[in-house]
N, C-alpha and C. Protein backbone atom coordinates (compact mmCIF):
# COMPACT_ATOMS: atom_id res chain seq x y z
N UNK A 1 -3.57 -54.60 10.32
CA UNK A 1 -2.68 -55.07 9.14
C UNK A 1 -3.63 -55.12 8.00
N UNK A 2 -3.32 -54.74 6.72
CA UNK A 2 -3.86 -54.65 5.40
C UNK A 2 -3.52 -56.05 4.73
N UNK A 3 -4.56 -56.44 4.16
CA UNK A 3 -4.36 -57.84 3.64
C UNK A 3 -5.07 -57.98 2.25
N UNK A 4 -4.19 -58.02 1.11
CA UNK A 4 -4.75 -58.06 -0.09
C UNK A 4 -5.21 -59.35 -0.77
N UNK A 5 -6.66 -59.71 -0.90
CA UNK A 5 -7.10 -60.90 -1.54
C UNK A 5 -7.80 -60.48 -2.71
N UNK A 6 -7.04 -61.21 -3.65
CA UNK A 6 -7.52 -60.98 -5.14
C UNK A 6 -7.30 -59.39 -5.40
N UNK A 7 -8.40 -58.70 -5.89
CA UNK A 7 -8.29 -57.40 -5.98
C UNK A 7 -9.17 -56.55 -4.82
N UNK A 8 -9.23 -57.07 -3.62
CA UNK A 8 -9.68 -56.30 -2.49
C UNK A 8 -8.83 -56.10 -1.40
N UNK A 9 -8.94 -55.31 -0.73
CA UNK A 9 -7.75 -55.15 0.66
C UNK A 9 -8.60 -54.84 1.60
N UNK A 10 -8.57 -55.88 2.68
CA UNK A 10 -9.34 -55.67 3.78
C UNK A 10 -8.42 -55.32 4.92
N UNK A 11 -9.01 -54.56 6.03
CA UNK A 11 -8.08 -54.18 6.84
C UNK A 11 -8.52 -55.02 8.16
N UNK A 12 -7.32 -55.92 8.74
CA UNK A 12 -7.74 -57.32 9.47
C UNK A 12 -7.43 -56.49 10.83
N UNK A 13 -6.93 -55.46 11.11
CA UNK A 13 -6.69 -55.13 12.59
C UNK A 13 -5.51 -56.02 13.02
N UNK A 14 -5.36 -56.67 13.86
CA UNK A 14 -4.50 -57.61 14.55
C UNK A 14 -5.03 -59.02 14.27
N UNK A 15 -4.58 -59.86 13.12
CA UNK A 15 -5.03 -61.08 13.14
C UNK A 15 -5.32 -61.94 14.12
N UNK A 16 -4.08 -61.83 14.94
CA UNK A 16 -3.98 -62.96 16.00
C UNK A 16 -4.99 -62.76 17.04
N UNK A 17 -5.24 -61.40 17.32
CA UNK A 17 -6.19 -60.85 18.24
C UNK A 17 -7.85 -61.22 17.61
N UNK A 18 -7.86 -60.90 16.65
CA UNK A 18 -9.33 -61.27 16.09
C UNK A 18 -9.71 -62.75 16.17
N UNK A 19 -8.74 -63.52 15.81
CA UNK A 19 -9.04 -65.07 15.80
C UNK A 19 -9.01 -65.36 17.27
N UNK A 20 -8.37 -64.85 18.32
CA UNK A 20 -8.48 -65.14 19.59
C UNK A 20 -9.72 -64.58 20.43
N UNK A 21 -10.52 -63.94 19.63
CA UNK A 21 -11.77 -63.21 20.45
C UNK A 21 -13.11 -64.22 20.10
N UNK A 22 -13.99 -63.77 20.81
CA UNK A 22 -15.21 -64.38 20.73
C UNK A 22 -16.06 -64.07 19.61
N UNK A 23 -15.65 -63.03 18.59
CA UNK A 23 -16.55 -62.79 17.65
C UNK A 23 -16.09 -63.72 16.47
N UNK A 24 -14.87 -64.26 16.48
CA UNK A 24 -14.42 -64.84 15.31
C UNK A 24 -15.15 -66.31 15.38
N UNK A 25 -15.83 -66.93 14.08
CA UNK A 25 -16.51 -68.18 13.80
C UNK A 25 -15.77 -69.54 14.50
N UNK A 26 -14.48 -69.42 14.49
CA UNK A 26 -14.03 -70.58 14.85
C UNK A 26 -13.11 -70.25 16.26
N UNK A 27 -13.15 -71.31 17.08
CA UNK A 27 -12.43 -70.99 18.43
C UNK A 27 -10.85 -70.74 18.06
N UNK A 28 -9.93 -70.27 19.09
CA UNK A 28 -8.82 -70.34 18.78
C UNK A 28 -7.88 -71.68 19.13
N UNK A 29 -8.77 -72.66 19.86
CA UNK A 29 -8.25 -74.07 19.64
C UNK A 29 -8.27 -74.87 18.43
N UNK A 30 -9.31 -74.50 17.70
CA UNK A 30 -9.65 -75.00 16.44
C UNK A 30 -8.73 -74.63 15.42
N UNK A 31 -8.42 -73.10 15.52
CA UNK A 31 -7.41 -72.62 14.67
C UNK A 31 -5.97 -73.41 14.77
N UNK A 32 -5.62 -73.40 15.93
CA UNK A 32 -4.33 -74.02 16.33
C UNK A 32 -4.23 -75.34 15.65
N UNK A 33 -5.05 -76.03 15.64
CA UNK A 33 -5.15 -77.51 15.16
C UNK A 33 -5.47 -77.32 13.55
N UNK A 34 -5.71 -76.18 12.94
CA UNK A 34 -5.89 -76.02 11.67
C UNK A 34 -4.46 -75.91 11.16
N UNK A 35 -4.23 -77.07 10.17
CA UNK A 35 -3.02 -76.75 9.31
C UNK A 35 -2.96 -75.80 8.23
N UNK A 36 -2.00 -75.04 7.67
CA UNK A 36 -1.70 -74.25 6.65
C UNK A 36 -2.44 -74.80 5.18
N UNK A 37 -2.38 -76.31 5.31
CA UNK A 37 -3.06 -76.95 3.89
C UNK A 37 -4.44 -76.72 4.41
N UNK A 38 -4.78 -77.13 5.38
CA UNK A 38 -6.35 -77.06 5.42
C UNK A 38 -7.02 -75.76 5.10
N UNK A 39 -6.31 -74.67 5.65
CA UNK A 39 -6.70 -73.22 5.33
C UNK A 39 -6.88 -72.74 3.79
N UNK A 40 -5.83 -73.39 3.22
CA UNK A 40 -5.67 -72.95 1.80
C UNK A 40 -6.63 -73.87 0.97
N UNK A 41 -6.88 -74.94 1.72
CA UNK A 41 -8.21 -75.93 0.83
C UNK A 41 -9.34 -75.24 1.16
N UNK A 42 -9.74 -74.66 2.23
CA UNK A 42 -10.95 -73.79 2.54
C UNK A 42 -10.96 -72.74 1.50
N UNK A 43 -9.83 -72.14 1.32
CA UNK A 43 -9.88 -71.03 0.20
C UNK A 43 -10.18 -71.43 -1.13
N UNK A 44 -9.77 -72.55 -1.51
CA UNK A 44 -9.85 -73.34 -2.79
C UNK A 44 -11.39 -73.39 -2.89
N UNK A 45 -11.91 -74.07 -1.84
CA UNK A 45 -13.22 -74.35 -1.91
C UNK A 45 -14.31 -73.39 -2.09
N UNK A 46 -14.06 -72.18 -1.27
CA UNK A 46 -14.64 -70.90 -1.42
C UNK A 46 -14.56 -70.02 -2.79
N UNK A 47 -13.54 -70.13 -3.26
CA UNK A 47 -13.31 -69.58 -4.75
C UNK A 47 -13.79 -70.32 -5.80
N UNK A 48 -13.79 -71.59 -5.49
CA UNK A 48 -14.39 -72.52 -6.67
C UNK A 48 -16.08 -72.41 -6.65
N UNK A 49 -16.75 -72.28 -5.31
CA UNK A 49 -17.96 -72.09 -5.12
C UNK A 49 -18.54 -70.71 -5.61
N UNK A 50 -17.66 -69.84 -5.51
CA UNK A 50 -17.82 -68.31 -5.58
C UNK A 50 -16.64 -67.56 -6.00
N UNK A 51 -16.53 -67.63 -7.30
CA UNK A 51 -15.31 -66.89 -7.84
C UNK A 51 -14.91 -65.44 -7.40
N UNK A 52 -15.92 -64.65 -7.46
CA UNK A 52 -16.06 -63.44 -7.03
C UNK A 52 -16.16 -63.07 -5.60
N UNK A 53 -15.73 -64.09 -4.87
CA UNK A 53 -15.84 -64.04 -3.28
C UNK A 53 -15.47 -62.80 -2.80
N UNK A 54 -14.53 -62.21 -2.95
CA UNK A 54 -14.23 -60.87 -2.37
C UNK A 54 -15.32 -59.87 -2.45
N UNK A 55 -15.90 -59.98 -3.76
CA UNK A 55 -16.75 -58.86 -3.78
C UNK A 55 -18.24 -59.38 -3.54
N UNK A 56 -18.72 -60.46 -3.88
CA UNK A 56 -20.10 -60.99 -3.33
C UNK A 56 -20.28 -61.52 -1.71
N UNK A 57 -19.19 -61.97 -1.36
CA UNK A 57 -19.25 -62.11 0.09
C UNK A 57 -18.05 -61.80 0.94
N UNK A 58 -17.98 -60.18 0.78
CA UNK A 58 -16.76 -59.86 1.64
C UNK A 58 -16.52 -60.19 3.13
N UNK A 59 -17.27 -60.56 3.70
CA UNK A 59 -17.10 -60.88 5.11
C UNK A 59 -16.47 -62.20 5.31
N UNK A 60 -16.91 -63.18 4.23
CA UNK A 60 -16.62 -64.59 4.24
C UNK A 60 -14.94 -64.38 3.92
N UNK A 61 -14.55 -63.54 2.80
CA UNK A 61 -13.44 -63.41 2.16
C UNK A 61 -12.53 -62.76 3.29
N UNK A 62 -13.15 -61.74 4.23
CA UNK A 62 -12.27 -61.32 5.39
C UNK A 62 -11.79 -62.14 6.30
N UNK A 63 -12.86 -63.08 6.68
CA UNK A 63 -12.52 -64.20 7.48
C UNK A 63 -11.41 -65.27 6.97
N UNK A 64 -11.43 -65.40 5.62
CA UNK A 64 -10.42 -66.52 5.18
C UNK A 64 -9.18 -65.78 5.05
N UNK A 65 -9.30 -64.30 4.91
CA UNK A 65 -7.84 -63.58 5.12
C UNK A 65 -7.41 -63.65 6.23
N UNK A 66 -8.05 -63.18 7.23
CA UNK A 66 -7.79 -63.44 8.69
C UNK A 66 -7.01 -64.85 9.01
N UNK A 67 -7.68 -65.86 8.46
CA UNK A 67 -6.98 -67.36 8.75
C UNK A 67 -5.76 -67.40 8.04
N UNK A 68 -5.43 -66.88 6.91
CA UNK A 68 -4.26 -66.91 6.00
C UNK A 68 -3.36 -66.03 6.67
N UNK A 69 -3.60 -64.94 7.14
CA UNK A 69 -2.53 -63.85 7.44
C UNK A 69 -2.16 -64.73 8.73
N UNK A 70 -3.04 -65.02 9.65
CA UNK A 70 -2.50 -65.63 10.98
C UNK A 70 -1.66 -66.78 10.91
N UNK A 71 -2.01 -67.46 9.93
CA UNK A 71 -1.55 -68.63 9.81
C UNK A 71 -0.04 -68.78 8.94
N UNK A 72 -0.04 -68.02 8.13
CA UNK A 72 1.29 -67.90 7.21
C UNK A 72 2.05 -66.59 7.40
N UNK A 73 1.55 -65.53 7.77
CA UNK A 73 2.36 -64.14 8.17
C UNK A 73 2.29 -63.46 6.75
N UNK A 74 1.75 -63.77 5.91
CA UNK A 74 1.90 -63.00 4.50
C UNK A 74 0.59 -61.99 4.81
N UNK A 75 0.47 -61.13 3.77
CA UNK A 75 -0.45 -60.08 3.60
C UNK A 75 -0.91 -60.03 2.26
N UNK A 76 -0.82 -61.02 1.35
CA UNK A 76 -1.60 -60.83 0.14
C UNK A 76 -1.88 -62.43 -0.28
N UNK A 77 -2.70 -62.60 -1.13
CA UNK A 77 -3.17 -63.93 -1.51
C UNK A 77 -3.99 -63.59 -2.84
N UNK A 78 -3.46 -64.20 -3.88
CA UNK A 78 -4.34 -64.31 -5.24
C UNK A 78 -4.70 -65.86 -5.27
N UNK A 79 -6.00 -65.90 -5.70
CA UNK A 79 -6.63 -67.46 -5.78
C UNK A 79 -7.74 -67.27 -6.95
N UNK A 80 -7.62 -68.28 -7.62
CA UNK A 80 -8.74 -68.39 -8.82
C UNK A 80 -8.24 -69.40 -9.67
N UNK A 81 -8.82 -69.79 -10.62
CA UNK A 81 -8.61 -70.77 -11.61
C UNK A 81 -7.57 -70.35 -12.47
N UNK A 82 -6.65 -71.32 -12.70
CA UNK A 82 -5.66 -71.42 -13.85
C UNK A 82 -6.04 -70.85 -15.12
N UNK A 83 -5.52 -70.40 -16.09
CA UNK A 83 -5.59 -70.16 -17.54
C UNK A 83 -6.80 -71.46 -18.19
N UNK A 84 -6.36 -72.45 -17.40
CA UNK A 84 -7.09 -73.76 -18.37
C UNK A 84 -8.46 -74.00 -17.46
N UNK A 85 -8.67 -73.05 -16.49
CA UNK A 85 -10.00 -73.26 -15.85
C UNK A 85 -9.99 -74.22 -14.81
N UNK A 86 -10.98 -74.30 -13.98
CA UNK A 86 -10.97 -75.49 -12.89
C UNK A 86 -12.19 -76.04 -12.86
N UNK A 87 -11.96 -77.29 -13.04
CA UNK A 87 -13.40 -78.25 -12.74
C UNK A 87 -13.67 -78.85 -11.17
N UNK A 88 -12.56 -78.70 -10.59
CA UNK A 88 -12.66 -79.00 -9.01
C UNK A 88 -11.84 -77.91 -8.21
N UNK A 89 -12.31 -77.83 -6.98
CA UNK A 89 -11.73 -76.98 -6.17
C UNK A 89 -10.08 -77.08 -5.96
N UNK A 90 -9.61 -78.20 -6.05
CA UNK A 90 -8.14 -78.67 -6.05
C UNK A 90 -7.63 -78.00 -7.10
N UNK A 91 -8.22 -77.61 -7.98
CA UNK A 91 -7.56 -76.75 -9.40
C UNK A 91 -7.38 -75.25 -9.34
N UNK A 92 -7.92 -74.88 -8.12
CA UNK A 92 -7.81 -73.49 -7.90
C UNK A 92 -6.40 -72.91 -7.43
N UNK A 93 -5.86 -72.33 -8.12
CA UNK A 93 -4.34 -71.82 -7.99
C UNK A 93 -4.49 -70.70 -6.73
N UNK A 94 -3.29 -70.80 -5.68
CA UNK A 94 -3.30 -69.84 -4.69
C UNK A 94 -1.80 -69.35 -4.80
N UNK A 95 -1.58 -68.09 -4.94
CA UNK A 95 -0.34 -67.43 -4.67
C UNK A 95 -0.39 -66.56 -3.52
N UNK A 96 0.52 -66.78 -2.66
CA UNK A 96 0.87 -66.07 -1.32
C UNK A 96 2.06 -64.95 -1.64
N UNK A 97 1.93 -63.90 -0.94
CA UNK A 97 3.33 -62.87 -0.92
C UNK A 97 3.31 -61.83 0.14
N UNK A 98 4.43 -61.30 0.23
CA UNK A 98 4.35 -60.36 1.21
C UNK A 98 4.71 -59.11 0.42
N UNK A 99 3.84 -58.17 0.60
CA UNK A 99 3.80 -56.73 -0.29
C UNK A 99 4.27 -55.88 0.73
N UNK A 100 5.00 -55.16 -0.03
CA UNK A 100 5.42 -53.80 0.91
C UNK A 100 4.27 -52.94 1.62
N UNK A 101 4.78 -52.35 2.61
CA UNK A 101 3.70 -51.46 3.40
C UNK A 101 3.23 -50.47 2.35
N UNK A 102 4.31 -50.02 1.74
CA UNK A 102 3.95 -48.86 0.92
C UNK A 102 3.20 -49.15 -0.19
N UNK A 103 3.39 -50.26 -0.88
CA UNK A 103 2.38 -50.77 -2.11
C UNK A 103 1.12 -50.89 -1.62
N UNK A 104 0.85 -51.62 -0.42
CA UNK A 104 -0.27 -52.18 -0.15
C UNK A 104 -1.40 -50.72 0.61
N UNK A 105 -0.48 -49.87 1.07
CA UNK A 105 -1.43 -48.69 1.73
C UNK A 105 -1.57 -47.73 0.43
N UNK A 106 -0.89 -47.77 -0.68
CA UNK A 106 -1.41 -47.07 -1.92
C UNK A 106 -2.64 -47.77 -2.45
N UNK A 107 -2.38 -48.94 -2.49
CA UNK A 107 -3.74 -49.58 -3.03
C UNK A 107 -4.97 -49.51 -2.13
N UNK A 108 -4.66 -49.44 -0.92
CA UNK A 108 -5.77 -49.44 0.05
C UNK A 108 -6.55 -47.89 -0.18
N UNK A 109 -5.53 -46.95 -0.35
CA UNK A 109 -6.21 -45.54 -0.77
C UNK A 109 -7.14 -45.40 -2.09
N UNK A 110 -6.58 -46.09 -3.01
CA UNK A 110 -7.11 -46.40 -4.39
C UNK A 110 -8.47 -47.02 -3.94
N UNK A 111 -8.54 -48.15 -3.42
CA UNK A 111 -9.87 -48.73 -3.03
C UNK A 111 -10.90 -47.58 -2.33
N UNK A 112 -10.25 -47.35 -1.52
CA UNK A 112 -11.07 -46.14 -0.69
C UNK A 112 -11.58 -45.15 -1.60
N UNK A 113 -10.83 -44.63 -2.32
CA UNK A 113 -11.18 -43.77 -3.59
C UNK A 113 -12.27 -44.19 -4.67
N UNK A 114 -12.39 -45.60 -4.61
CA UNK A 114 -13.25 -46.41 -5.62
C UNK A 114 -12.66 -46.43 -6.97
N UNK A 115 -11.19 -46.34 -7.40
CA UNK A 115 -10.72 -46.38 -8.40
C UNK A 115 -9.79 -47.87 -8.31
N UNK A 116 -9.58 -48.62 -7.41
CA UNK A 116 -8.83 -49.62 -7.51
C UNK A 116 -9.46 -50.73 -8.40
N UNK A 117 -8.61 -51.50 -9.50
CA UNK A 117 -9.16 -52.28 -10.23
C UNK A 117 -8.29 -53.47 -10.14
N UNK A 118 -8.79 -54.58 -10.74
CA UNK A 118 -7.74 -55.81 -11.07
C UNK A 118 -6.60 -55.38 -11.69
N UNK A 119 -6.59 -54.61 -12.70
CA UNK A 119 -5.40 -54.31 -13.72
C UNK A 119 -4.22 -53.67 -12.80
N UNK A 120 -4.89 -52.87 -11.87
CA UNK A 120 -3.97 -52.06 -11.01
C UNK A 120 -3.20 -52.81 -10.06
N UNK A 121 -3.90 -53.73 -9.56
CA UNK A 121 -3.53 -54.81 -8.67
C UNK A 121 -2.40 -55.79 -9.26
N UNK A 122 -2.76 -56.10 -10.43
CA UNK A 122 -1.87 -57.08 -11.52
C UNK A 122 -0.52 -56.39 -11.62
N UNK A 123 -0.68 -55.18 -11.96
CA UNK A 123 0.39 -54.66 -12.19
C UNK A 123 1.43 -53.96 -11.02
N UNK A 124 0.59 -53.80 -10.04
CA UNK A 124 1.59 -53.13 -9.07
C UNK A 124 1.95 -54.24 -7.98
N UNK A 125 1.24 -55.57 -8.06
CA UNK A 125 1.67 -56.61 -6.97
C UNK A 125 2.25 -57.72 -7.75
N UNK A 126 1.17 -58.60 -8.50
CA UNK A 126 1.42 -59.96 -9.20
C UNK A 126 2.53 -60.05 -10.23
N UNK A 127 2.30 -58.90 -11.32
CA UNK A 127 3.52 -58.79 -12.20
C UNK A 127 4.60 -58.39 -11.75
N UNK A 128 4.90 -57.70 -10.53
CA UNK A 128 6.00 -57.36 -9.94
C UNK A 128 6.67 -58.71 -9.34
N UNK A 129 6.09 -59.45 -8.84
CA UNK A 129 6.48 -60.79 -8.29
C UNK A 129 6.92 -61.65 -9.21
N UNK A 130 6.07 -61.81 -10.38
CA UNK A 130 6.74 -62.64 -11.16
C UNK A 130 7.95 -62.30 -11.84
N UNK A 131 8.35 -61.02 -12.13
CA UNK A 131 9.42 -60.49 -12.51
C UNK A 131 10.74 -60.73 -11.56
N UNK A 132 10.35 -60.82 -10.44
CA UNK A 132 11.47 -60.83 -9.40
C UNK A 132 11.67 -61.93 -8.57
């Protein structure tokens, strides 16, 4: 499964299998007890602490992507401060979406080619979501 987190795409394989494996830093039992709201709170905390998380700590961003994908079923997330900024983690805005396989695959190819930019992601995904 491909997952778009801000302007970076992660290949998550099969999120449910990865979360249930020994290599994931949270047990499957803990995951089942963790609410959707708690997972989104973790995303807010991480983005507040490290706004460019997807580029600076991609493995942590991938882990958060796995949690979000497995808990919500979506394949895209935009997380960051609003235009007014964020003085606290709870002011980080999160938008979740289901992006078509064609769109996310095309974006993944651009990323592999080193030409994916925040502007391309905005135009291809988030601006389209706001229109429709």
